[in-house]
Amino acid sequence: MSAEIAAGARSRFQRFGYAKTSMQEIADDCGMSAANLYRYFDGKPALAVAVAAAEQAAQLRKCDEAVQAAGAELAARLIALFHALIDTSRSQMKQAPLLFELGLNVARETPELRERFLTAVETRIESILKNETGEHGVPGSDGAKRQARLILTACASFVLPWLLQNVPFGDPRPKVTPLIRCLLSGMTVPSNQPA
């Protein structure tokens, strides 16, 4: 039932925005009383977190599909991941701007959700590195985990929605390929350096 409620809330948030949506309206859309709705969610902020988490999960599924379709080359798979992150964020900005805004606000107010998303992206990068080169990442380095953190840090402007919204460095998509190729060509980090 929680998933159905979150889907109803998503629909209303997408049409009217978070601020202009009440719990009673969500309950009406779901065919239940507001009191019953509170049995599943503590309030509208909890519903917003559920909707934002579902949006993040959908974005990550699209990223996984893009990586799978990219072929076997390491750089191509990483480029596909970051292109998918950019494209899905841009798509939501255009097609569902109120949901995009909701996601930004929830990520700002709920550090756990933000951290979970960044960890999921980092895990995907690490997996790509391990699949290409075995358990230890790129040869001659300190392992895929350390490299994944470095790649994520270097590519933050492709991942963080508020940077994609404001594009402080211009259109990020054309910058993905040269940055990934540059990072992969020099992926050695001294073992005494923190990731």
C-alpha atoms as a PDB file:
ATOM      1  CA  MET A   1       0.000   0.000   0.000  1.00  0.00           C
ATOM      2  CA  SER A   2       2.924   2.378   0.698  1.00  0.00           C
ATOM      3  CA  ALA A   3       4.028   2.156  -2.945  1.00  0.00           C
ATOM      4  CA  GLU A   4       0.530   3.044  -4.165  1.00  0.00           C
ATOM      5  CA  ILE A   5       0.390   6.015  -1.808  1.00  0.00           C
ATOM      6  CA  ALA A   6       3.818   7.206  -2.938  1.00  0.00           C
ATOM      7  CA  ALA A   7       2.706   6.882  -6.572  1.00  0.00           C
ATOM      8  CA  GLY A   8      -0.373   8.964  -5.816  1.00  0.00           C
ATOM      9  CA  ALA A   9       1.725  11.569  -4.040  1.00  0.00           C
ATOM     10  CA  ARG A  10       4.179  11.618  -6.954  1.00  0.00           C
ATOM     11  CA  SER A  11       1.377  12.325  -9.393  1.00  0.00           C
ATOM     12  CA  ARG A  12       0.027  15.183  -7.279  1.00  0.00           C
ATOM     13  CA  PHE A  13       3.503  16.629  -6.588  1.00  0.00           C
ATOM     14  CA  GLN A  14       4.243  16.487 -10.324  1.00  0.00           C
ATOM     15  CA  ARG A  15       1.067  18.403 -11.190  1.00  0.00           C
ATOM     16  CA  PHE A  16       0.804  20.884  -8.331  1.00  0.00           C
ATOM     17  CA  GLY A  17       4.111  20.871  -6.486  1.00  0.00           C
ATOM     18  CA  TYR A  18       4.925  19.972  -2.918  1.00  0.00           C
ATOM     19  CA  ALA A  19       3.799  23.236  -1.302  1.00  0.00           C
ATOM     20  CA  LYS A  20       0.386  23.207  -2.958  1.00  0.00           C
ATOM     21  CA  THR A  21      -0.397  19.602  -2.058  1.00  0.00           C
ATOM     22  CA  SER A  22      -2.077  18.533   1.160  1.00  0.00           C
ATOM     23  CA  MET A  23      -2.191  15.149   2.820  1.00  0.00           C
ATOM     24  CA  GLN A  24      -5.973  15.227   2.443  1.00  0.00           C
ATOM     25  CA  GLU A  25      -5.642  15.622  -1.341  1.00  0.00           C
ATOM     26  CA  ILE A  26      -3.202  12.715  -1.513  1.00  0.00           C
ATOM     27  CA  ALA A  27      -5.546  10.620   0.617  1.00  0.00           C
ATOM     28  CA  ASP A  28      -8.476  11.521  -1.662  1.00  0.00           C
ATOM     29  CA  ASP A  29      -6.430  10.534  -4.730  1.00  0.00           C
ATOM     30  CA  CYS A  30      -5.647   7.198  -3.080  1.00  0.00           C
ATOM     31  CA  GLY A  31      -9.249   6.583  -2.069  1.00  0.00           C
ATOM     32  CA  MET A  32      -8.605   6.625   1.668  1.00  0.00           C
ATOM     33  CA  SER A  33      -8.987   8.887   4.650  1.00  0.00           C
ATOM     34  CA  ALA A  34      -6.176  11.192   5.745  1.00  0.00           C
ATOM     35  CA  ALA A  35      -6.095   9.331   9.065  1.00  0.00           C
ATOM     36  CA  ASN A  36      -5.450   6.075   7.221  1.00  0.00           C
ATOM     37  CA  LEU A  37      -2.723   7.745   5.155  1.00  0.00           C
ATOM     38  CA  TYR A  38      -0.897   8.641   8.382  1.00  0.00           C
ATOM     39  CA  ARG A  39      -0.717   4.937   9.218  1.00  0.00           C
ATOM     40  CA  TYR A  40       1.746   4.594   6.323  1.00  0.00           C
ATOM     41  CA  PHE A  41       3.572   7.940   6.372  1.00  0.00           C
ATOM     42  CA  ASP A  42       4.285  10.308   9.270  1.00  0.00           C
ATOM     43  CA  GLY A  43       3.464  13.313   7.136  1.00  0.00           C
ATOM     44  CA  LYS A  44       4.055  15.091   3.875  1.00  0.00           C
ATOM     45  CA  PRO A  45       7.861  15.317   4.382  1.00  0.00           C
ATOM     46  CA  ALA A  46       8.048  11.515   4.716  1.00  0.00           C
ATOM     47  CA  LEU A  47       6.021  11.168   1.523  1.00  0.00           C
ATOM     48  CA  ALA A  48       8.360  13.595  -0.234  1.00  0.00           C
ATOM     49  CA  VAL A  49      11.352  11.463   0.798  1.00  0.00           C
ATOM     50  CA  ALA A  50       9.622   8.320  -0.506  1.00  0.00           C
ATOM     51  CA  VAL A  51       8.871   9.988  -3.836  1.00  0.00           C
ATOM     52  CA  ALA A  52      12.416  11.378  -4.168  1.00  0.00           C
ATOM     53  CA  ALA A  53      13.909   7.969  -3.323  1.00  0.00           C
ATOM     54  CA  ALA A  54      11.742   6.324  -5.980  1.00  0.00           C
ATOM     55  CA  GLU A  55      12.851   8.928  -8.531  1.00  0.00           C
ATOM     56  CA  GLN A  56      16.490   8.249  -7.666  1.00  0.00           C
ATOM     57  CA  ALA A  57      15.944   4.505  -8.034  1.00  0.00           C
ATOM     58  CA  ALA A  58      14.374   5.042 -11.474  1.00  0.00           C
ATOM     59  CA  GLN A  59      17.320   7.214 -12.497  1.00  0.00           C
ATOM     60  CA  LEU A  60      19.797   4.548 -11.368  1.00  0.00           C
ATOM     61  CA  ARG A  61      17.909   1.857 -13.334  1.00  0.00           C
ATOM     62  CA  LYS A  62      18.252   3.979 -16.481  1.00  0.00           C
ATOM     63  CA  CYS A  63      21.947   4.360 -15.742  1.00  0.00           C
ATOM     64  CA  ASP A  64      22.317   0.588 -15.411  1.00  0.00           C
ATOM     65  CA  GLU A  65      20.572   0.097 -18.768  1.00  0.00           C
ATOM     66  CA  ALA A  66      22.882   2.633 -20.419  1.00  0.00           C
ATOM     67  CA  VAL A  67      25.983   0.967 -18.999  1.00  0.00           C
ATOM     68  CA  GLN A  68      24.789  -2.461 -20.173  1.00  0.00           C
ATOM     69  CA  ALA A  69      24.193  -1.103 -23.685  1.00  0.00           C
ATOM     70  CA  ALA A  70      27.602   0.599 -23.834  1.00  0.00           C
ATOM     71  CA  GLY A  71      29.606  -2.514 -24.590  1.00  0.00           C
ATOM     72  CA  ALA A  72      32.708  -3.813 -22.878  1.00  0.00           C
ATOM     73  CA  GLU A  73      35.175  -0.917 -23.060  1.00  0.00           C
ATOM     74  CA  LEU A  74      35.857   0.625 -19.647  1.00  0.00           C
ATOM     75  CA  ALA A  75      35.743   4.242 -20.823  1.00  0.00           C
ATOM     76  CA  ALA A  76      32.563   3.657 -22.839  1.00  0.00           C
ATOM     77  CA  ARG A  77      30.808   2.186 -19.815  1.00  0.00           C
ATOM     78  CA  LEU A  78      31.821   5.067 -17.533  1.00  0.00           C
ATOM     79  CA  ILE A  79      30.867   7.623 -20.179  1.00  0.00           C
ATOM     80  CA  ALA A  80      27.479   5.926 -20.580  1.00  0.00           C
ATOM     81  CA  LEU A  81      26.915   6.105 -16.817  1.00  0.00           C
ATOM     82  CA  PHE A  82      27.598   9.825 -16.629  1.00  0.00           C
ATOM     83  CA  HIS A  83      25.687  10.603 -19.831  1.00  0.00           C
ATOM     84  CA  ALA A  84      22.690   8.751 -18.388  1.00  0.00           C
ATOM     85  CA  LEU A  85      22.927  10.716 -15.134  1.00  0.00           C
ATOM     86  CA  ILE A  86      23.002  13.988 -17.067  1.00  0.00           C
ATOM     87  CA  ASP A  87      20.252  12.970 -19.486  1.00  0.00           C
ATOM     88  CA  THR A  88      17.856  11.683 -16.826  1.00  0.00           C
ATOM     89  CA  SER A  89      18.309  14.812 -14.713  1.00  0.00           C
ATOM     90  CA  ARG A  90      17.780  17.075 -17.722  1.00  0.00           C
ATOM     91  CA  SER A  91      14.754  15.089 -18.790  1.00  0.00           C
ATOM     92  CA  GLN A  92      13.180  15.481 -15.371  1.00  0.00           C
ATOM     93  CA  MET A  93      14.007  19.211 -15.352  1.00  0.00           C
ATOM     94  CA  LYS A  94      12.059  19.619 -18.599  1.00  0.00           C
ATOM     95  CA  GLN A  95       9.269  17.061 -18.253  1.00  0.00           C
ATOM     96  CA  ALA A  96       8.618  17.176 -14.501  1.00  0.00           C
ATOM     97  CA  PRO A  97      10.146  20.377 -13.116  1.00  0.00           C
ATOM     98  CA  LEU A  98       8.142  20.239  -9.887  1.00  0.00           C
ATOM     99  CA  LEU A  99       9.466  16.716  -9.189  1.00  0.00           C
ATOM    100  CA  PHE A 100      12.992  17.901  -9.981  1.00  0.00           C
ATOM    101  CA  GLU A 101      12.542  20.754  -7.500  1.00  0.00           C
ATOM    102  CA  LEU A 102      11.153  18.319  -4.932  1.00  0.00           C
ATOM    103  CA  GLY A 103      14.214  16.099  -5.370  1.00  0.00           C
ATOM    104  CA  LEU A 104      16.552  19.059  -4.881  1.00  0.00           C
ATOM    105  CA  ASN A 105      14.789  20.136  -1.704  1.00  0.00           C
ATOM    106  CA  VAL A 106      14.602  16.643  -0.251  1.00  0.00           C
ATOM    107  CA  ALA A 107      18.295  16.013  -1.020  1.00  0.00           C
ATOM    108  CA  ARG A 108      19.172  19.275   0.719  1.00  0.00           C
ATOM    109  CA  GLU A 109      17.092  18.459   3.795  1.00  0.00           C
ATOM    110  CA  THR A 110      17.750  14.710   3.971  1.00  0.00           C
ATOM    111  CA  PRO A 111      21.501  14.037   3.931  1.00  0.00           C
ATOM    112  CA  GLU A 112      20.915  10.263   4.220  1.00  0.00           C
ATOM    113  CA  LEU A 113      19.061  10.214   0.896  1.00  0.00           C
ATOM    114  CA  ARG A 114      21.760  12.300  -0.782  1.00  0.00           C
ATOM    115  CA  GLU A 115      24.507  10.066   0.608  1.00  0.00           C
ATOM    116  CA  ARG A 116      22.655   6.919  -0.442  1.00  0.00           C
ATOM    117  CA  PHE A 117      22.434   8.213  -4.019  1.00  0.00           C
ATOM    118  CA  LEU A 118      26.108   9.188  -4.164  1.00  0.00           C
ATOM    119  CA  THR A 119      27.082   5.829  -2.692  1.00  0.00           C
ATOM    120  CA  ALA A 120      24.958   4.062  -5.318  1.00  0.00           C
ATOM    121  CA  VAL A 121      26.718   5.974  -8.110  1.00  0.00           C
ATOM    122  CA  GLU A 122      30.123   5.273  -6.579  1.00  0.00           C
ATOM    123  CA  THR A 123      29.264   1.573  -6.282  1.00  0.00           C
ATOM    124  CA  ARG A 124      28.341   1.501  -9.968  1.00  0.00           C
ATOM    125  CA  ILE A 125      31.656   3.123 -10.898  1.00  0.00           C
ATOM    126  CA  GLU A 126      33.511   0.614  -8.735  1.00  0.00           C
ATOM    127  CA  SER A 127      31.621  -2.255 -10.339  1.00  0.00           C
ATOM    128  CA  ILE A 128      32.524  -1.021 -13.817  1.00  0.00           C
ATOM    129  CA  LEU A 129      36.192  -0.795 -12.805  1.00  0.00           C
ATOM    130  CA  LYS A 130      36.139  -4.285 -11.259  1.00  0.00           C
ATOM    131  CA  ASN A 131      34.384  -5.831 -14.243  1.00  0.00           C
ATOM    132  CA  GLU A 132      37.019  -4.415 -16.553  1.00  0.00           C
ATOM    133  CA  THR A 133      40.166  -5.192 -14.631  1.00  0.00           C
ATOM    134  CA  GLY A 134      39.417  -7.682 -11.897  1.00  0.00           C
ATOM    135  CA  GLU A 135      39.095  -7.121  -8.177  1.00  0.00           C
ATOM    136  CA  HIS A 136      41.958  -4.668  -7.918  1.00  0.00           C
ATOM    137  CA  GLY A 137      40.786  -1.985 -10.348  1.00  0.00           C
ATOM    138  CA  VAL A 138      43.014  -0.425 -12.961  1.00  0.00           C
ATOM    139  CA  PRO A 139      46.438  -2.126 -13.012  1.00  0.00           C
ATOM    140  CA  GLY A 140      49.073  -0.374 -10.938  1.00  0.00           C
ATOM    141  CA  SER A 141      46.594   1.421  -8.720  1.00  0.00           C
ATOM    142  CA  ASP A 142      45.251   1.089  -5.204  1.00  0.00           C
ATOM    143  CA  GLY A 143      42.022  -0.615  -6.160  1.00  0.00           C
ATOM    144  CA  ALA A 144      38.664   0.040  -7.641  1.00  0.00           C
ATOM    145  CA  LYS A 145      37.108   1.538  -4.505  1.00  0.00           C
ATOM    146  CA  ARG A 146      39.687   4.312  -4.244  1.00  0.00           C
ATOM    147  CA  GLN A 147      39.504   4.966  -7.979  1.00  0.00           C
ATOM    148  CA  ALA A 148      35.708   5.036  -7.911  1.00  0.00           C
ATOM    149  CA  ARG A 149      35.789   7.736  -5.218  1.00  0.00           C
ATOM    150  CA  LEU A 150      38.250   9.792  -7.271  1.00  0.00           C
ATOM    151  CA  ILE A 151      36.181   9.457 -10.439  1.00  0.00           C
ATOM    152  CA  LEU A 152      33.000  10.406  -8.583  1.00  0.00           C
ATOM    153  CA  THR A 153      34.701  13.439  -7.056  1.00  0.00           C
ATOM    154  CA  ALA A 154      36.092  14.570 -10.409  1.00  0.00           C
ATOM    155  CA  CYS A 155      32.722  14.050 -12.097  1.00  0.00           C
ATOM    156  CA  ALA A 156      30.534  15.624  -9.400  1.00  0.00           C
ATOM    157  CA  SER A 157      29.166  18.220 -11.818  1.00  0.00           C
ATOM    158  CA  PHE A 158      27.672  15.359 -13.874  1.00  0.00           C
ATOM    159  CA  VAL A 159      25.992  13.786 -10.848  1.00  0.00           C
ATOM    160  CA  LEU A 160      24.729  16.565  -8.612  1.00  0.00           C
ATOM    161  CA  PRO A 161      21.352  17.871  -9.798  1.00  0.00           C
ATOM    162  CA  TRP A 162      21.879  21.408  -8.495  1.00  0.00           C
ATOM    163  CA  LEU A 163      25.016  21.715 -10.640  1.00  0.00           C
ATOM    164  CA  LEU A 164      23.203  20.282 -13.647  1.00  0.00           C
ATOM    165  CA  GLN A 165      20.417  22.789 -13.097  1.00  0.00           C
ATOM    166  CA  ASN A 166      22.737  25.789 -12.879  1.00  0.00           C
ATOM    167  CA  VAL A 167      25.417  24.544 -15.347  1.00  0.00           C
ATOM    168  CA  PRO A 168      28.238  26.654 -13.876  1.00  0.00           C
ATOM    169  CA  PHE A 169      30.728  25.089 -16.313  1.00  0.00           C
ATOM    170  CA  GLY A 170      28.464  25.148 -19.355  1.00  0.00           C
ATOM    171  CA  ASP A 171      26.928  22.101 -21.011  1.00  0.00           C
ATOM    172  CA  PRO A 172      28.454  19.155 -19.143  1.00  0.00           C
ATOM    173  CA  ARG A 173      27.688  16.400 -21.657  1.00  0.00           C
ATOM    174  CA  PRO A 174      30.547  17.161 -24.111  1.00  0.00           C
ATOM    175  CA  LYS A 175      32.981  17.261 -21.188  1.00  0.00           C
ATOM    176  CA  VAL A 176      32.295  13.689 -20.046  1.00  0.00           C
ATOM    177  CA  THR A 177      34.340  11.815 -22.655  1.00  0.00           C
ATOM    178  CA  PRO A 178      37.564  13.835 -22.389  1.00  0.00           C
ATOM    179  CA  LEU A 179      37.391  13.889 -18.604  1.00  0.00           C
ATOM    180  CA  ILE A 180      36.845  10.126 -18.303  1.00  0.00           C
ATOM    181  CA  ARG A 181      39.606   9.366 -20.798  1.00  0.00           C
ATOM    182  CA  CYS A 182      41.942  11.738 -18.944  1.00  0.00           C
ATOM    183  CA  LEU A 183      41.118  10.161 -15.588  1.00  0.00           C
ATOM    184  CA  LEU A 184      41.621   6.624 -16.886  1.00  0.00           C
ATOM    185  CA  SER A 185      44.944   7.470 -18.515  1.00  0.00           C
ATOM    186  CA  GLY A 186      46.454   8.542 -15.205  1.00  0.00           C
ATOM    187  CA  MET A 187      44.727   6.453 -12.551  1.00  0.00           C
ATOM    188  CA  THR A 188      47.519   5.919 -10.065  1.00  0.00           C
ATOM    189  CA  VAL A 189      47.191   7.321  -6.580  1.00  0.00           C
ATOM    190  CA  PRO A 190      49.877   7.004  -3.916  1.00  0.00           C
ATOM    191  CA  SER A 191      48.725   4.638  -1.192  1.00  0.00           C
ATOM    192  CA  ASN A 192      49.276   7.294   1.514  1.00  0.00           C
ATOM    193  CA  GLN A 193      46.750   9.667  -0.118  1.00  0.00           C
ATOM    194  CA  PRO A 194      43.175   9.573   1.223  1.00  0.00           C
ATOM    195  CA  ALA A 195      40.401   8.881  -1.253  1.00  0.00           C
END
